[in-house]
Amino acid sequence: MGSNLGLEKHKVGDQFGVRELGLIDGPPLRGAKTVVKTTSELFDVSNAALIIFDDAEVAGVVRVASDSASLSSSYPLDRSIASLVRASNASQVVSSLSADHPDAPEYRLLSMKAVLACPVYGPDTEPVGALAAFDTQPRAWTKEQKTKLESLAHLISQELILRASFETLRIMARERGQMSSVNFV
C-alpha cells in the first residue's frame, strides 16, 4: 500500500527550480536585496537588479534604483542581455547597448545604455538569473568591476543553495512526521 508523503514532486537529491525556491512568487531573498543595493552603491550606477529567469520572460526583478520607474518588474527575455548570460553561462560586459545590442529590451524598453551582468546559479549549478548593474549612459566597465560583480553574484548563488537545503530539510521533516504517525503492525 503506497502512502502520500508529499515527496512525489521532490525527493531528497532532487533539484529545485526558481518556482520551487520561491523566487517568482515567494518572499524576496534578504541577502539578495542587500547585494543589489551594494551593487548600486559600489558601481555608482543608476540601477542594479537581480533578474530571475522564468521561461520566456524575465521575472522577479529585485531592484534598487534612484529612479524607481527605470526598471520594470518584468520584461521579455528574448534578445535581452539576461538571455545572453543564460545562454552563454558567462558574464556580459556591454559598454554601449545602442551600438552593440540595439534590440535588447534593456535598451528599447528600459532606456539603459550600458550593462554589466553576471550569472547567478541555482543549486543544480545552472544559471537561474543574473545580477546586473545598469547605467543610463554608455560606460566602459573594468575587469576589476566584472570580478567584483561576479563575487557579489556568487553570494546570491550561495543564498539559493541555502534556501534549497532548507526546503530539502523541510520536506524531510514533513516525511518523518508523516512516517511517525503510521502504525506498523
C-alpha atoms as a PDB file:
ATOM      1  CA  MET A   1       0.000   0.000   0.000  1.00  0.00           C
ATOM      2  CA  GLY A   2       1.505   3.343  -1.086  1.00  0.00           C
ATOM      3  CA  SER A   3       1.376   6.369   1.116  1.00  0.00           C
ATOM      4  CA  ASN A   4       1.290  10.004   0.125  1.00  0.00           C
ATOM      5  CA  LEU A   5       4.245  11.559   1.929  1.00  0.00           C
ATOM      6  CA  GLY A   6       4.332  14.772  -0.042  1.00  0.00           C
ATOM      7  CA  LEU A   7       7.531  13.821  -1.810  1.00  0.00           C
ATOM      8  CA  GLU A   8       6.082  12.871  -5.168  1.00  0.00           C
ATOM      9  CA  LYS A   9       7.368  16.102  -6.705  1.00  0.00           C
ATOM     10  CA  HIS A  10      10.595  16.398  -4.707  1.00  0.00           C
ATOM     11  CA  LYS A  11      12.683  13.620  -3.309  1.00  0.00           C
ATOM     12  CA  VAL A  12      15.913  14.053  -1.422  1.00  0.00           C
ATOM     13  CA  GLY A  13      18.548  14.823  -4.032  1.00  0.00           C
ATOM     14  CA  ASP A  14      16.082  16.384  -6.487  1.00  0.00           C
ATOM     15  CA  GLN A  15      16.883  19.869  -7.691  1.00  0.00           C
ATOM     16  CA  PHE A  16      14.714  22.910  -7.076  1.00  0.00           C
ATOM     17  CA  GLY A  17      13.768  25.348  -9.823  1.00  0.00           C
ATOM     18  CA  VAL A  18      13.061  29.049  -9.461  1.00  0.00           C
ATOM     19  CA  ARG A  19       9.394  28.455  -8.613  1.00  0.00           C
ATOM     20  CA  GLU A  20      10.117  25.735  -6.030  1.00  0.00           C
ATOM     21  CA  LEU A  21      12.639  28.044  -4.385  1.00  0.00           C
ATOM     22  CA  GLY A  22      10.007  30.786  -4.163  1.00  0.00           C
ATOM     23  CA  LEU A  23      11.953  33.165  -6.383  1.00  0.00           C
ATOM     24  CA  ILE A  24       8.942  34.053  -8.514  1.00  0.00           C
ATOM     25  CA  ASP A  25       6.045  34.059  -6.063  1.00  0.00           C
ATOM     26  CA  GLY A  26       7.716  33.763  -2.675  1.00  0.00           C
ATOM     27  CA  PRO A  27       9.309  36.185  -0.269  1.00  0.00           C
ATOM     28  CA  PRO A  28      12.352  38.057  -1.554  1.00  0.00           C
ATOM     29  CA  LEU A  29      15.818  36.855  -0.708  1.00  0.00           C
ATOM     30  CA  ARG A  30      17.016  39.081   2.128  1.00  0.00           C
ATOM     31  CA  GLY A  31      20.669  38.728   1.256  1.00  0.00           C
ATOM     32  CA  ALA A  32      19.964  39.396  -2.415  1.00  0.00           C
ATOM     33  CA  LYS A  33      18.325  42.714  -1.602  1.00  0.00           C
ATOM     34  CA  THR A  34      21.444  43.739   0.291  1.00  0.00           C
ATOM     35  CA  VAL A  35      23.695  42.608  -2.556  1.00  0.00           C
ATOM     36  CA  VAL A  36      21.628  44.542  -5.123  1.00  0.00           C
ATOM     37  CA  LYS A  37      21.785  47.680  -3.003  1.00  0.00           C
ATOM     38  CA  THR A  38      25.544  47.205  -2.528  1.00  0.00           C
ATOM     39  CA  THR A  39      25.951  46.744  -6.292  1.00  0.00           C
ATOM     40  CA  SER A  40      24.166  50.011  -6.978  1.00  0.00           C
ATOM     41  CA  GLU A  41      26.336  51.871  -4.492  1.00  0.00           C
ATOM     42  CA  LEU A  42      29.647  50.131  -5.270  1.00  0.00           C
ATOM     43  CA  PHE A  43      29.409  50.706  -9.009  1.00  0.00           C
ATOM     44  CA  ASP A  44      27.755  54.116  -8.705  1.00  0.00           C
ATOM     45  CA  VAL A  45      25.094  53.108 -11.212  1.00  0.00           C
ATOM     46  CA  SER A  46      21.593  54.375 -11.710  1.00  0.00           C
ATOM     47  CA  ASN A  47      20.119  50.864 -11.364  1.00  0.00           C
ATOM     48  CA  ALA A  48      21.075  47.403 -10.189  1.00  0.00           C
ATOM     49  CA  ALA A  49      18.903  44.296 -10.281  1.00  0.00           C
ATOM     50  CA  LEU A  50      18.671  40.616  -9.564  1.00  0.00           C
ATOM     51  CA  ILE A  51      16.995  39.211 -12.656  1.00  0.00           C
ATOM     52  CA  ILE A  52      15.353  35.796 -12.287  1.00  0.00           C
ATOM     53  CA  PHE A  53      14.712  33.693 -15.405  1.00  0.00           C
ATOM     54  CA  ASP A  54      11.203  32.304 -15.710  1.00  0.00           C
ATOM     55  CA  ASP A  55      10.619  30.587 -19.043  1.00  0.00           C
ATOM     56  CA  ALA A  56      10.321  33.182 -21.816  1.00  0.00           C
ATOM     57  CA  GLU A  57      10.140  36.192 -19.520  1.00  0.00           C
ATOM     58  CA  VAL A  58      12.481  37.771 -17.074  1.00  0.00           C
ATOM     59  CA  ALA A  59      10.620  37.678 -13.799  1.00  0.00           C
ATOM     60  CA  GLY A  60      11.114  38.516 -10.168  1.00  0.00           C
ATOM     61  CA  VAL A  61      13.348  41.516 -10.726  1.00  0.00           C
ATOM     62  CA  VAL A  62      14.632  42.798  -7.409  1.00  0.00           C
ATOM     63  CA  ARG A  63      15.765  46.325  -7.957  1.00  0.00           C
ATOM     64  CA  VAL A  64      17.379  49.228  -6.245  1.00  0.00           C
ATOM     65  CA  ALA A  65      17.116  52.334  -8.338  1.00  0.00           C
ATOM     66  CA  SER A  66      17.477  56.037  -7.890  1.00  0.00           C
ATOM     67  CA  ASP A  67      14.603  56.363 -10.356  1.00  0.00           C
ATOM     68  CA  SER A  68      12.208  53.567  -9.387  1.00  0.00           C
ATOM     69  CA  ALA A  69      10.348  53.784 -12.699  1.00  0.00           C
ATOM     70  CA  SER A  70      13.515  52.942 -14.633  1.00  0.00           C
ATOM     71  CA  LEU A  71      13.289  49.174 -14.207  1.00  0.00           C
ATOM     72  CA  SER A  72      10.126  47.224 -14.776  1.00  0.00           C
ATOM     73  CA  SER A  73       9.290  44.221 -12.612  1.00  0.00           C
ATOM     74  CA  SER A  74       9.491  42.004 -15.686  1.00  0.00           C
ATOM     75  CA  TYR A  75      10.451  42.257 -19.316  1.00  0.00           C
ATOM     76  CA  PRO A  76      10.882  39.823 -22.224  1.00  0.00           C
ATOM     77  CA  LEU A  77      13.879  37.523 -22.052  1.00  0.00           C
ATOM     78  CA  ASP A  78      14.089  37.363 -25.852  1.00  0.00           C
ATOM     79  CA  ARG A  79      17.152  39.273 -27.157  1.00  0.00           C
ATOM     80  CA  SER A  80      17.942  40.568 -23.686  1.00  0.00           C
ATOM     81  CA  ILE A  81      21.375  40.778 -22.123  1.00  0.00           C
ATOM     82  CA  ALA A  82      19.963  38.489 -19.432  1.00  0.00           C
ATOM     83  CA  SER A  83      19.285  35.848 -22.118  1.00  0.00           C
ATOM     84  CA  LEU A  84      22.921  36.140 -23.238  1.00  0.00           C
ATOM     85  CA  VAL A  85      24.036  35.490 -19.661  1.00  0.00           C
ATOM     86  CA  ARG A  86      21.760  32.460 -19.549  1.00  0.00           C
ATOM     87  CA  ALA A  87      22.759  31.061 -22.956  1.00  0.00           C
ATOM     88  CA  SER A  88      26.497  31.641 -22.567  1.00  0.00           C
ATOM     89  CA  ASN A  89      26.632  30.829 -18.862  1.00  0.00           C
ATOM     90  CA  ALA A  90      29.042  33.758 -18.634  1.00  0.00           C
ATOM     91  CA  SER A  91      29.181  37.397 -17.640  1.00  0.00           C
ATOM     92  CA  GLN A  92      28.227  40.002 -20.221  1.00  0.00           C
ATOM     93  CA  VAL A  93      30.017  43.332 -20.434  1.00  0.00           C
ATOM     94  CA  VAL A  94      28.241  45.876 -22.631  1.00  0.00           C
ATOM     95  CA  SER A  95      29.599  49.417 -22.757  1.00  0.00           C
ATOM     96  CA  SER A  96      27.023  50.675 -25.254  1.00  0.00           C
ATOM     97  CA  LEU A  97      23.705  48.890 -25.672  1.00  0.00           C
ATOM     98  CA  SER A  98      22.698  51.194 -28.533  1.00  0.00           C
ATOM     99  CA  ALA A  99      25.805  50.217 -30.526  1.00  0.00           C
ATOM    100  CA  ASP A 100      26.171  46.559 -29.515  1.00  0.00           C
ATOM    101  CA  HIS A 101      22.608  45.373 -28.767  1.00  0.00           C
ATOM    102  CA  PRO A 102      20.038  47.889 -30.088  1.00  0.00           C
ATOM    103  CA  ASP A 103      17.250  45.262 -29.971  1.00  0.00           C
ATOM    104  CA  ALA A 104      17.832  44.407 -26.309  1.00  0.00           C
ATOM    105  CA  PRO A 105      14.796  45.187 -24.127  1.00  0.00           C
ATOM    106  CA  GLU A 106      17.140  46.701 -21.558  1.00  0.00           C
ATOM    107  CA  TYR A 107      17.816  49.398 -24.173  1.00  0.00           C
ATOM    108  CA  ARG A 108      14.459  49.562 -26.004  1.00  0.00           C
ATOM    109  CA  LEU A 109      12.112  49.278 -23.019  1.00  0.00           C
ATOM    110  CA  LEU A 110      14.192  50.376 -20.058  1.00  0.00           C
ATOM    111  CA  SER A 111      16.331  53.100 -21.668  1.00  0.00           C
ATOM    112  CA  MET A 112      19.530  51.660 -20.232  1.00  0.00           C
ATOM    113  CA  LYS A 113      22.721  52.460 -22.138  1.00  0.00           C
ATOM    114  CA  ALA A 114      25.273  50.117 -20.518  1.00  0.00           C
ATOM    115  CA  VAL A 115      25.083  46.882 -18.545  1.00  0.00           C
ATOM    116  CA  LEU A 116      27.369  44.533 -16.685  1.00  0.00           C
ATOM    117  CA  ALA A 117      25.626  41.242 -15.892  1.00  0.00           C
ATOM    118  CA  CYS A 118      26.879  38.087 -14.180  1.00  0.00           C
ATOM    119  CA  PRO A 119      25.160  34.700 -13.804  1.00  0.00           C
ATOM    120  CA  VAL A 120      23.514  33.687 -10.560  1.00  0.00           C
ATOM    121  CA  TYR A 121      23.404  29.919 -10.128  1.00  0.00           C
ATOM    122  CA  GLY A 122      20.800  27.687  -8.562  1.00  0.00           C
ATOM    123  CA  PRO A 123      21.516  24.525  -6.594  1.00  0.00           C
ATOM    124  CA  ASP A 124      21.909  22.498  -9.794  1.00  0.00           C
ATOM    125  CA  THR A 125      24.699  24.867 -10.969  1.00  0.00           C
ATOM    126  CA  GLU A 126      22.632  26.138 -13.893  1.00  0.00           C
ATOM    127  CA  PRO A 127      22.061  29.897 -14.239  1.00  0.00           C
ATOM    128  CA  VAL A 128      18.706  30.867 -12.718  1.00  0.00           C
ATOM    129  CA  GLY A 129      19.277  34.574 -13.033  1.00  0.00           C
ATOM    130  CA  ALA A 130      21.730  37.405 -13.342  1.00  0.00           C
ATOM    131  CA  LEU A 131      22.999  40.157 -11.129  1.00  0.00           C
ATOM    132  CA  ALA A 132      23.187  43.286 -13.254  1.00  0.00           C
ATOM    133  CA  ALA A 133      24.468  46.821 -12.956  1.00  0.00           C
ATOM    134  CA  PHE A 134      22.769  49.205 -15.394  1.00  0.00           C
ATOM    135  CA  ASP A 135      23.759  52.709 -16.356  1.00  0.00           C
ATOM    136  CA  THR A 136      21.795  55.329 -18.234  1.00  0.00           C
ATOM    137  CA  GLN A 137      24.975  56.454 -20.020  1.00  0.00           C
ATOM    138  CA  PRO A 138      27.465  54.438 -22.114  1.00  0.00           C
ATOM    139  CA  ARG A 139      30.188  53.190 -19.798  1.00  0.00           C
ATOM    140  CA  ALA A 140      33.486  51.321 -20.047  1.00  0.00           C
ATOM    141  CA  TRP A 141      33.412  48.564 -17.425  1.00  0.00           C
ATOM    142  CA  THR A 142      36.741  47.448 -15.950  1.00  0.00           C
ATOM    143  CA  LYS A 143      37.961  43.893 -15.342  1.00  0.00           C
ATOM    144  CA  GLU A 144      38.024  44.728 -11.643  1.00  0.00           C
ATOM    145  CA  GLN A 145      34.341  45.720 -11.740  1.00  0.00           C
ATOM    146  CA  LYS A 146      33.476  42.498 -13.554  1.00  0.00           C
ATOM    147  CA  THR A 147      35.356  40.455 -10.938  1.00  0.00           C
ATOM    148  CA  LYS A 148      33.603  42.288  -8.089  1.00  0.00           C
ATOM    149  CA  LEU A 149      30.162  41.764  -9.633  1.00  0.00           C
ATOM    150  CA  GLU A 150      30.902  38.064 -10.156  1.00  0.00           C
ATOM    151  CA  SER A 151      31.796  37.811  -6.448  1.00  0.00           C
ATOM    152  CA  LEU A 152      28.550  39.517  -5.474  1.00  0.00           C
ATOM    153  CA  ALA A 153      26.580  37.193  -7.785  1.00  0.00           C
ATOM    154  CA  HIS A 154      28.284  34.256  -6.068  1.00  0.00           C
ATOM    155  CA  LEU A 155      26.903  35.451  -2.714  1.00  0.00           C
ATOM    156  CA  ILE A 156      23.369  35.285  -4.104  1.00  0.00           C
ATOM    157  CA  SER A 157      24.075  31.817  -5.535  1.00  0.00           C
ATOM    158  CA  GLN A 158      25.139  30.695  -2.053  1.00  0.00           C
ATOM    159  CA  GLU A 159      21.876  32.024  -0.610  1.00  0.00           C
ATOM    160  CA  LEU A 160      19.945  29.997  -3.193  1.00  0.00           C
ATOM    161  CA  ILE A 161      21.834  26.847  -2.199  1.00  0.00           C
ATOM    162  CA  LEU A 162      20.968  27.521   1.434  1.00  0.00           C
ATOM    163  CA  ARG A 163      17.299  28.044   0.518  1.00  0.00           C
ATOM    164  CA  ALA A 164      17.257  24.730  -1.393  1.00  0.00           C
ATOM    165  CA  SER A 165      18.902  22.979   1.574  1.00  0.00           C
ATOM    166  CA  PHE A 166      16.262  24.409   3.891  1.00  0.00           C
ATOM    167  CA  GLU A 167      13.472  23.251   1.566  1.00  0.00           C
ATOM    168  CA  THR A 168      15.002  19.745   1.469  1.00  0.00           C
ATOM    169  CA  LEU A 169      15.140  19.642   5.267  1.00  0.00           C
ATOM    170  CA  ARG A 170      11.546  20.877   5.488  1.00  0.00           C
ATOM    171  CA  ILE A 171      10.383  18.089   3.164  1.00  0.00           C
ATOM    172  CA  MET A 172      12.360  15.504   5.124  1.00  0.00           C
ATOM    173  CA  ALA A 173      10.885  16.730   8.408  1.00  0.00           C
ATOM    174  CA  ARG A 174       7.374  16.530   6.970  1.00  0.00           C
ATOM    175  CA  GLU A 175       8.082  12.995   5.727  1.00  0.00           C
ATOM    176  CA  ARG A 176       9.442  11.987   9.120  1.00  0.00           C
ATOM    177  CA  GLY A 177       6.354  13.408  10.852  1.00  0.00           C
ATOM    178  CA  GLN A 178       4.071  11.512   8.494  1.00  0.00           C
ATOM    179  CA  MET A 179       6.061   8.317   8.946  1.00  0.00           C
ATOM    180  CA  SER A 180       5.841   8.566  12.752  1.00  0.00           C
ATOM    181  CA  SER A 181       2.047   8.635  12.521  1.00  0.00           C
ATOM    182  CA  VAL A 182       1.951   5.358  10.565  1.00  0.00           C
ATOM    183  CA  ASN A 183       1.350   2.261  12.708  1.00  0.00           C
ATOM    184  CA  PHE A 184       3.403  -0.697  11.598  1.00  0.00           C
ATOM    185  CA  VAL A 185       1.624  -3.811  12.800  1.00  0.00           C
END
